[in-house]
Amino acid sequence: MSRTERHRLSSLHDVELAGLAASGDRQAFGELVRRHGSAVRSLLRRMGVSAAEADDLAQDAFIAAFESIAEFRGEGAFGGWVKKIAARACIRRVQKDRQLRARLEAAELQEPAVLADPGRRMDLDEALKGLAEGERLCVSLCYGAGLSHAEAAEALNLPLGTVKSHVKRGLDRLKARLAPEGDTLEGRRGNG
């Protein structure tokens, strides 16, 4: 691809690139992959898969997106659309593991592993690793992939209430872990 063609494609909006890709322009789709590949892999990593598996799943998601690009109407962001495809591919792969339901049920009963140094600052990825598996999956799907609670429940084949509980508990634990040291609800009440 020439420098001029690369520049032309990089100046187009995602919807325009998707339209070109739908008419067979592989270079336009390549630009979409370049723009959104990292975000898709990051979402998959936050869902708990290894880096290598995230790469494989992202590739599968982009292949599926290319095959169904004509279905993308531009009503939402292309990035969100392809993240949903990736999240669903990840869920399908996880569901192939016969022990998923047992692990999710066990995760609901168990507290997540306590971090060795709870006072240290951590980033979101580290905080997500500290959640129980069910919480991590549900929070990642609802906030990372943009699925509704109902869509996440359907994708995970779990009751809606279970998904809502996992999301609520997961968000509460994330807030507690990511809050600046000394910034607790009780601390804020005492200072007001």
C-alpha atoms as a PDB file:
ATOM      1  CA  MET A   1       0.000   0.000   0.000  1.00  0.00           C
ATOM      2  CA  SER A   2       1.379   3.380  -0.931  1.00  0.00           C
ATOM      3  CA  ARG A   3       1.958   6.165   1.568  1.00  0.00           C
ATOM      4  CA  THR A   4      -0.778   8.206  -0.130  1.00  0.00           C
ATOM      5  CA  GLU A   5      -3.268   5.342   0.184  1.00  0.00           C
ATOM      6  CA  ARG A   6      -2.325   4.820   3.855  1.00  0.00           C
ATOM      7  CA  HIS A   7      -2.852   8.513   4.540  1.00  0.00           C
ATOM      8  CA  ARG A   8      -6.189   8.507   2.710  1.00  0.00           C
ATOM      9  CA  LEU A   9      -7.447   5.535   4.726  1.00  0.00           C
ATOM     10  CA  SER A  10      -6.205   6.962   8.024  1.00  0.00           C
ATOM     11  CA  SER A  11      -8.215  10.129   7.421  1.00  0.00           C
ATOM     12  CA  LEU A  12     -11.517   8.271   6.946  1.00  0.00           C
ATOM     13  CA  HIS A  13     -14.102   7.689   9.691  1.00  0.00           C
ATOM     14  CA  ASP A  14     -14.713   4.120  10.879  1.00  0.00           C
ATOM     15  CA  VAL A  15     -18.145   4.060   9.214  1.00  0.00           C
ATOM     16  CA  GLU A  16     -16.585   5.006   5.873  1.00  0.00           C
ATOM     17  CA  LEU A  17     -13.898   2.350   6.291  1.00  0.00           C
ATOM     18  CA  ALA A  18     -16.543  -0.253   7.152  1.00  0.00           C
ATOM     19  CA  GLY A  19     -18.459   0.687   3.990  1.00  0.00           C
ATOM     20  CA  LEU A  20     -15.333   0.255   1.889  1.00  0.00           C
ATOM     21  CA  ALA A  21     -14.569  -3.043   3.619  1.00  0.00           C
ATOM     22  CA  ALA A  22     -18.121  -4.247   2.948  1.00  0.00           C
ATOM     23  CA  SER A  23     -17.512  -3.680  -0.738  1.00  0.00           C
ATOM     24  CA  GLY A  24     -14.336  -5.791  -0.582  1.00  0.00           C
ATOM     25  CA  ASP A  25     -11.593  -3.288   0.300  1.00  0.00           C
ATOM     26  CA  ARG A  26      -9.259  -5.329   2.519  1.00  0.00           C
ATOM     27  CA  GLN A  27      -6.953  -2.370   3.105  1.00  0.00           C
ATOM     28  CA  ALA A  28      -9.836  -0.387   4.595  1.00  0.00           C
ATOM     29  CA  PHE A  29     -10.569  -3.272   6.942  1.00  0.00           C
ATOM     30  CA  GLY A  30      -6.862  -3.468   7.778  1.00  0.00           C
ATOM     31  CA  GLU A  31      -7.066   0.167   8.921  1.00  0.00           C
ATOM     32  CA  LEU A  32      -9.968  -0.754  11.212  1.00  0.00           C
ATOM     33  CA  VAL A  33      -7.899  -3.606  12.664  1.00  0.00           C
ATOM     34  CA  ARG A  34      -4.951  -1.242  13.170  1.00  0.00           C
ATOM     35  CA  ARG A  35      -7.180   1.264  14.977  1.00  0.00           C
ATOM     36  CA  HIS A  36      -9.048  -1.142  17.236  1.00  0.00           C
ATOM     37  CA  GLY A  37      -6.837  -4.230  17.645  1.00  0.00           C
ATOM     38  CA  SER A  38      -5.126  -3.076  20.814  1.00  0.00           C
ATOM     39  CA  ALA A  39      -8.405  -2.187  22.542  1.00  0.00           C
ATOM     40  CA  VAL A  40      -9.889  -5.573  21.652  1.00  0.00           C
ATOM     41  CA  ARG A  41      -6.837  -7.430  23.002  1.00  0.00           C
ATOM     42  CA  SER A  42      -6.930  -5.313  26.191  1.00  0.00           C
ATOM     43  CA  LEU A  43     -10.581  -6.191  26.773  1.00  0.00           C
ATOM     44  CA  LEU A  44      -9.843  -9.888  26.332  1.00  0.00           C
ATOM     45  CA  ARG A  45      -6.909  -9.670  28.767  1.00  0.00           C
ATOM     46  CA  ARG A  46      -9.205  -8.002  31.295  1.00  0.00           C
ATOM     47  CA  MET A  47     -11.619 -10.872  30.837  1.00  0.00           C
ATOM     48  CA  GLY A  48      -8.852 -13.101  32.179  1.00  0.00           C
ATOM     49  CA  VAL A  49      -7.265 -14.754  29.148  1.00  0.00           C
ATOM     50  CA  SER A  50      -3.538 -14.994  28.529  1.00  0.00           C
ATOM     51  CA  ALA A  51      -1.785 -12.654  26.108  1.00  0.00           C
ATOM     52  CA  ALA A  52      -1.426 -15.402  23.497  1.00  0.00           C
ATOM     53  CA  GLU A  53      -5.075 -16.405  23.826  1.00  0.00           C
ATOM     54  CA  ALA A  54      -6.112 -12.733  23.617  1.00  0.00           C
ATOM     55  CA  ASP A  55      -4.185 -12.449  20.333  1.00  0.00           C
ATOM     56  CA  ASP A  56      -5.916 -15.573  18.971  1.00  0.00           C
ATOM     57  CA  LEU A  57      -9.362 -14.447  20.073  1.00  0.00           C
ATOM     58  CA  ALA A  58      -8.828 -10.938  18.700  1.00  0.00           C
ATOM     59  CA  GLN A  59      -7.838 -12.425  15.347  1.00  0.00           C
ATOM     60  CA  ASP A  60     -10.944 -14.638  15.388  1.00  0.00           C
ATOM     61  CA  ALA A  61     -13.098 -11.624  16.275  1.00  0.00           C
ATOM     62  CA  PHE A  62     -11.733  -9.538  13.416  1.00  0.00           C
ATOM     63  CA  ILE A  63     -12.221 -12.418  10.971  1.00  0.00           C
ATOM     64  CA  ALA A  64     -15.834 -12.714  12.142  1.00  0.00           C
ATOM     65  CA  ALA A  65     -16.219  -8.930  11.874  1.00  0.00           C
ATOM     66  CA  PHE A  66     -14.858  -8.957   8.327  1.00  0.00           C
ATOM     67  CA  GLU A  67     -17.222 -11.760   7.351  1.00  0.00           C
ATOM     68  CA  SER A  68     -20.209  -9.827   8.723  1.00  0.00           C
ATOM     69  CA  ILE A  69     -19.051  -6.252   8.034  1.00  0.00           C
ATOM     70  CA  ALA A  70     -22.131  -5.608   5.917  1.00  0.00           C
ATOM     71  CA  GLU A  71     -24.194  -5.963   9.131  1.00  0.00           C
ATOM     72  CA  PHE A  72     -22.384  -3.004  10.722  1.00  0.00           C
ATOM     73  CA  ARG A  73     -24.674  -0.046  10.136  1.00  0.00           C
ATOM     74  CA  GLY A  74     -22.713   2.613  11.995  1.00  0.00           C
ATOM     75  CA  GLU A  75     -25.451   3.029  14.605  1.00  0.00           C
ATOM     76  CA  GLY A  76     -22.816   2.628  17.309  1.00  0.00           C
ATOM     77  CA  ALA A  77     -19.036   2.780  17.357  1.00  0.00           C
ATOM     78  CA  PHE A  78     -17.159   0.182  15.323  1.00  0.00           C
ATOM     79  CA  GLY A  79     -14.889  -0.389  18.334  1.00  0.00           C
ATOM     80  CA  GLY A  80     -17.848  -1.327  20.521  1.00  0.00           C
ATOM     81  CA  TRP A  81     -19.259  -3.597  17.821  1.00  0.00           C
ATOM     82  CA  VAL A  82     -16.030  -5.544  17.381  1.00  0.00           C
ATOM     83  CA  LYS A  83     -15.495  -5.711  21.174  1.00  0.00           C
ATOM     84  CA  LYS A  84     -18.881  -7.388  21.532  1.00  0.00           C
ATOM     85  CA  ILE A  85     -17.878  -9.906  18.866  1.00  0.00           C
ATOM     86  CA  ALA A  86     -14.602 -10.552  20.712  1.00  0.00           C
ATOM     87  CA  ALA A  87     -16.291 -10.846  24.107  1.00  0.00           C
ATOM     88  CA  ARG A  88     -18.793 -13.343  22.749  1.00  0.00           C
ATOM     89  CA  ALA A  89     -15.988 -15.351  21.115  1.00  0.00           C
ATOM     90  CA  CYS A  90     -14.171 -15.391  24.437  1.00  0.00           C
ATOM     91  CA  ILE A  91     -17.284 -16.540  26.253  1.00  0.00           C
ATOM     92  CA  ARG A  92     -17.868 -19.320  23.742  1.00  0.00           C
ATOM     93  CA  ARG A  93     -14.305 -20.503  24.238  1.00  0.00           C
ATOM     94  CA  VAL A  94     -14.626 -20.358  28.004  1.00  0.00           C
ATOM     95  CA  GLN A  95     -17.947 -22.187  27.911  1.00  0.00           C
ATOM     96  CA  LYS A  96     -16.316 -25.087  26.113  1.00  0.00           C
ATOM     97  CA  ASP A  97     -14.532 -25.723  29.362  1.00  0.00           C
ATOM     98  CA  ARG A  98     -16.876 -28.126  31.149  1.00  0.00           C
ATOM     99  CA  GLN A  99     -15.841 -26.795  34.522  1.00  0.00           C
ATOM    100  CA  LEU A 100     -16.920 -23.187  33.890  1.00  0.00           C
ATOM    101  CA  ARG A 101     -20.230 -23.479  35.677  1.00  0.00           C
ATOM    102  CA  ALA A 102     -18.587 -25.160  38.651  1.00  0.00           C
ATOM    103  CA  ARG A 103     -15.913 -22.443  38.799  1.00  0.00           C
ATOM    104  CA  LEU A 104     -18.521 -19.667  38.573  1.00  0.00           C
ATOM    105  CA  GLU A 105     -20.612 -21.220  41.323  1.00  0.00           C
ATOM    106  CA  ALA A 106     -17.513 -21.723  43.459  1.00  0.00           C
ATOM    107  CA  ALA A 107     -16.464 -18.116  42.789  1.00  0.00           C
ATOM    108  CA  GLU A 108     -19.815 -16.922  44.111  1.00  0.00           C
ATOM    109  CA  LEU A 109     -19.197 -18.731  47.389  1.00  0.00           C
ATOM    110  CA  GLN A 110     -15.530 -17.830  47.820  1.00  0.00           C
ATOM    111  CA  GLU A 111     -13.869 -14.546  48.551  1.00  0.00           C
ATOM    112  CA  PRO A 112     -11.235 -13.538  45.996  1.00  0.00           C
ATOM    113  CA  ALA A 113      -7.597 -14.014  46.883  1.00  0.00           C
ATOM    114  CA  VAL A 114      -6.273 -11.279  49.143  1.00  0.00           C
ATOM    115  CA  LEU A 115      -3.436  -9.274  47.660  1.00  0.00           C
ATOM    116  CA  ALA A 116      -0.130  -9.519  49.483  1.00  0.00           C
ATOM    117  CA  ASP A 117       0.122  -5.750  49.939  1.00  0.00           C
ATOM    118  CA  PRO A 118      -3.387  -4.239  49.983  1.00  0.00           C
ATOM    119  CA  GLY A 119      -2.001  -0.740  50.641  1.00  0.00           C
ATOM    120  CA  ARG A 120      -0.108  -0.485  47.360  1.00  0.00           C
ATOM    121  CA  ARG A 121      -1.595   1.356  44.413  1.00  0.00           C
ATOM    122  CA  MET A 122      -2.632  -0.830  41.540  1.00  0.00           C
ATOM    123  CA  ASP A 123      -4.017  -0.346  38.101  1.00  0.00           C
ATOM    124  CA  LEU A 124      -7.333  -1.599  36.801  1.00  0.00           C
ATOM    125  CA  ASP A 125      -5.882  -4.768  35.298  1.00  0.00           C
ATOM    126  CA  GLU A 126      -4.310  -5.724  38.626  1.00  0.00           C
ATOM    127  CA  ALA A 127      -7.531  -4.919  40.471  1.00  0.00           C
ATOM    128  CA  LEU A 128      -9.548  -7.059  38.033  1.00  0.00           C
ATOM    129  CA  LYS A 129      -7.192  -9.990  38.634  1.00  0.00           C
ATOM    130  CA  GLY A 130      -8.119  -9.792  42.323  1.00  0.00           C
ATOM    131  CA  LEU A 131     -11.813 -10.366  41.646  1.00  0.00           C
ATOM    132  CA  ALA A 132     -13.469 -13.752  41.696  1.00  0.00           C
ATOM    133  CA  GLU A 133     -13.765 -15.190  38.194  1.00  0.00           C
ATOM    134  CA  GLY A 134     -17.522 -14.629  37.917  1.00  0.00           C
ATOM    135  CA  GLU A 135     -17.166 -11.016  39.016  1.00  0.00           C
ATOM    136  CA  ARG A 136     -14.284 -10.366  36.591  1.00  0.00           C
ATOM    137  CA  LEU A 137     -16.176 -11.843  33.640  1.00  0.00           C
ATOM    138  CA  CYS A 138     -19.398  -9.972  34.382  1.00  0.00           C
ATOM    139  CA  VAL A 139     -17.706  -6.607  35.029  1.00  0.00           C
ATOM    140  CA  SER A 140     -15.545  -6.995  31.901  1.00  0.00           C
ATOM    141  CA  LEU A 141     -18.524  -7.861  29.732  1.00  0.00           C
ATOM    142  CA  CYS A 142     -20.769  -5.095  31.031  1.00  0.00           C
ATOM    143  CA  TYR A 143     -18.221  -2.304  31.271  1.00  0.00           C
ATOM    144  CA  GLY A 144     -15.443  -3.393  28.907  1.00  0.00           C
ATOM    145  CA  ALA A 145     -17.514  -4.857  26.079  1.00  0.00           C
ATOM    146  CA  GLY A 146     -20.601  -2.713  26.603  1.00  0.00           C
ATOM    147  CA  LEU A 147     -23.034  -5.601  27.013  1.00  0.00           C
ATOM    148  CA  SER A 148     -26.161  -5.028  29.060  1.00  0.00           C
ATOM    149  CA  HIS A 149     -26.705  -7.183  32.132  1.00  0.00           C
ATOM    150  CA  ALA A 150     -29.275  -9.182  30.152  1.00  0.00           C
ATOM    151  CA  GLU A 151     -26.854  -9.709  27.239  1.00  0.00           C
ATOM    152  CA  ALA A 152     -24.104 -10.811  29.637  1.00  0.00           C
ATOM    153  CA  ALA A 153     -26.533 -13.202  31.371  1.00  0.00           C
ATOM    154  CA  GLU A 154     -27.485 -14.701  28.014  1.00  0.00           C
ATOM    155  CA  ALA A 155     -23.864 -14.970  26.877  1.00  0.00           C
ATOM    156  CA  LEU A 156     -22.768 -16.637  30.121  1.00  0.00           C
ATOM    157  CA  ASN A 157     -25.946 -18.727  30.419  1.00  0.00           C
ATOM    158  CA  LEU A 158     -26.475 -17.387  33.944  1.00  0.00           C
ATOM    159  CA  PRO A 159     -29.557 -15.958  35.640  1.00  0.00           C
ATOM    160  CA  LEU A 160     -29.859 -12.177  35.287  1.00  0.00           C
ATOM    161  CA  GLY A 161     -29.802 -11.750  39.071  1.00  0.00           C
ATOM    162  CA  THR A 162     -26.501 -13.619  39.327  1.00  0.00           C
ATOM    163  CA  VAL A 163     -24.925 -11.346  36.716  1.00  0.00           C
ATOM    164  CA  LYS A 164     -26.227  -8.241  38.495  1.00  0.00           C
ATOM    165  CA  SER A 165     -24.848  -9.550  41.806  1.00  0.00           C
ATOM    166  CA  HIS A 166     -21.441 -10.305  40.261  1.00  0.00           C
ATOM    167  CA  VAL A 167     -21.313  -6.815  38.702  1.00  0.00           C
ATOM    168  CA  LYS A 168     -22.351  -5.066  41.931  1.00  0.00           C
ATOM    169  CA  ARG A 169     -19.887  -7.011  44.099  1.00  0.00           C
ATOM    170  CA  GLY A 170     -17.143  -6.657  41.504  1.00  0.00           C
ATOM    171  CA  LEU A 171     -17.612  -2.889  41.180  1.00  0.00           C
ATOM    172  CA  ASP A 172     -17.703  -2.466  44.956  1.00  0.00           C
ATOM    173  CA  ARG A 173     -14.445  -4.396  45.295  1.00  0.00           C
ATOM    174  CA  LEU A 174     -12.823  -2.486  42.448  1.00  0.00           C
ATOM    175  CA  LYS A 175     -13.820   0.851  44.007  1.00  0.00           C
ATOM    176  CA  ALA A 176     -12.378  -0.234  47.350  1.00  0.00           C
ATOM    177  CA  ARG A 177      -9.114  -1.416  45.790  1.00  0.00           C
ATOM    178  CA  LEU A 178      -8.649   1.544  43.490  1.00  0.00           C
ATOM    179  CA  ALA A 179      -9.584   4.241  46.018  1.00  0.00           C
ATOM    180  CA  PRO A 180      -6.690   6.434  47.134  1.00  0.00           C
ATOM    181  CA  GLU A 181      -5.261   5.346  50.470  1.00  0.00           C
ATOM    182  CA  GLY A 182      -7.313   6.722  53.338  1.00  0.00           C
ATOM    183  CA  ASP A 183     -10.230   7.650  51.028  1.00  0.00           C
ATOM    184  CA  THR A 184     -12.983   5.579  52.575  1.00  0.00           C
ATOM    185  CA  LEU A 185     -16.656   6.329  52.920  1.00  0.00           C
ATOM    186  CA  GLU A 186     -16.215   6.684  56.686  1.00  0.00           C
ATOM    187  CA  GLY A 187     -13.258   9.038  56.144  1.00  0.00           C
ATOM    188  CA  ARG A 188     -15.334  11.280  53.860  1.00  0.00           C
ATOM    189  CA  ARG A 189     -18.202  11.380  56.359  1.00  0.00           C
ATOM    190  CA  GLY A 190     -15.859  12.399  59.161  1.00  0.00           C
ATOM    191  CA  ASN A 191     -14.402  15.262  57.125  1.00  0.00           C
ATOM    192  CA  GLY A 192     -17.745  16.714  56.005  1.00  0.00           C
END
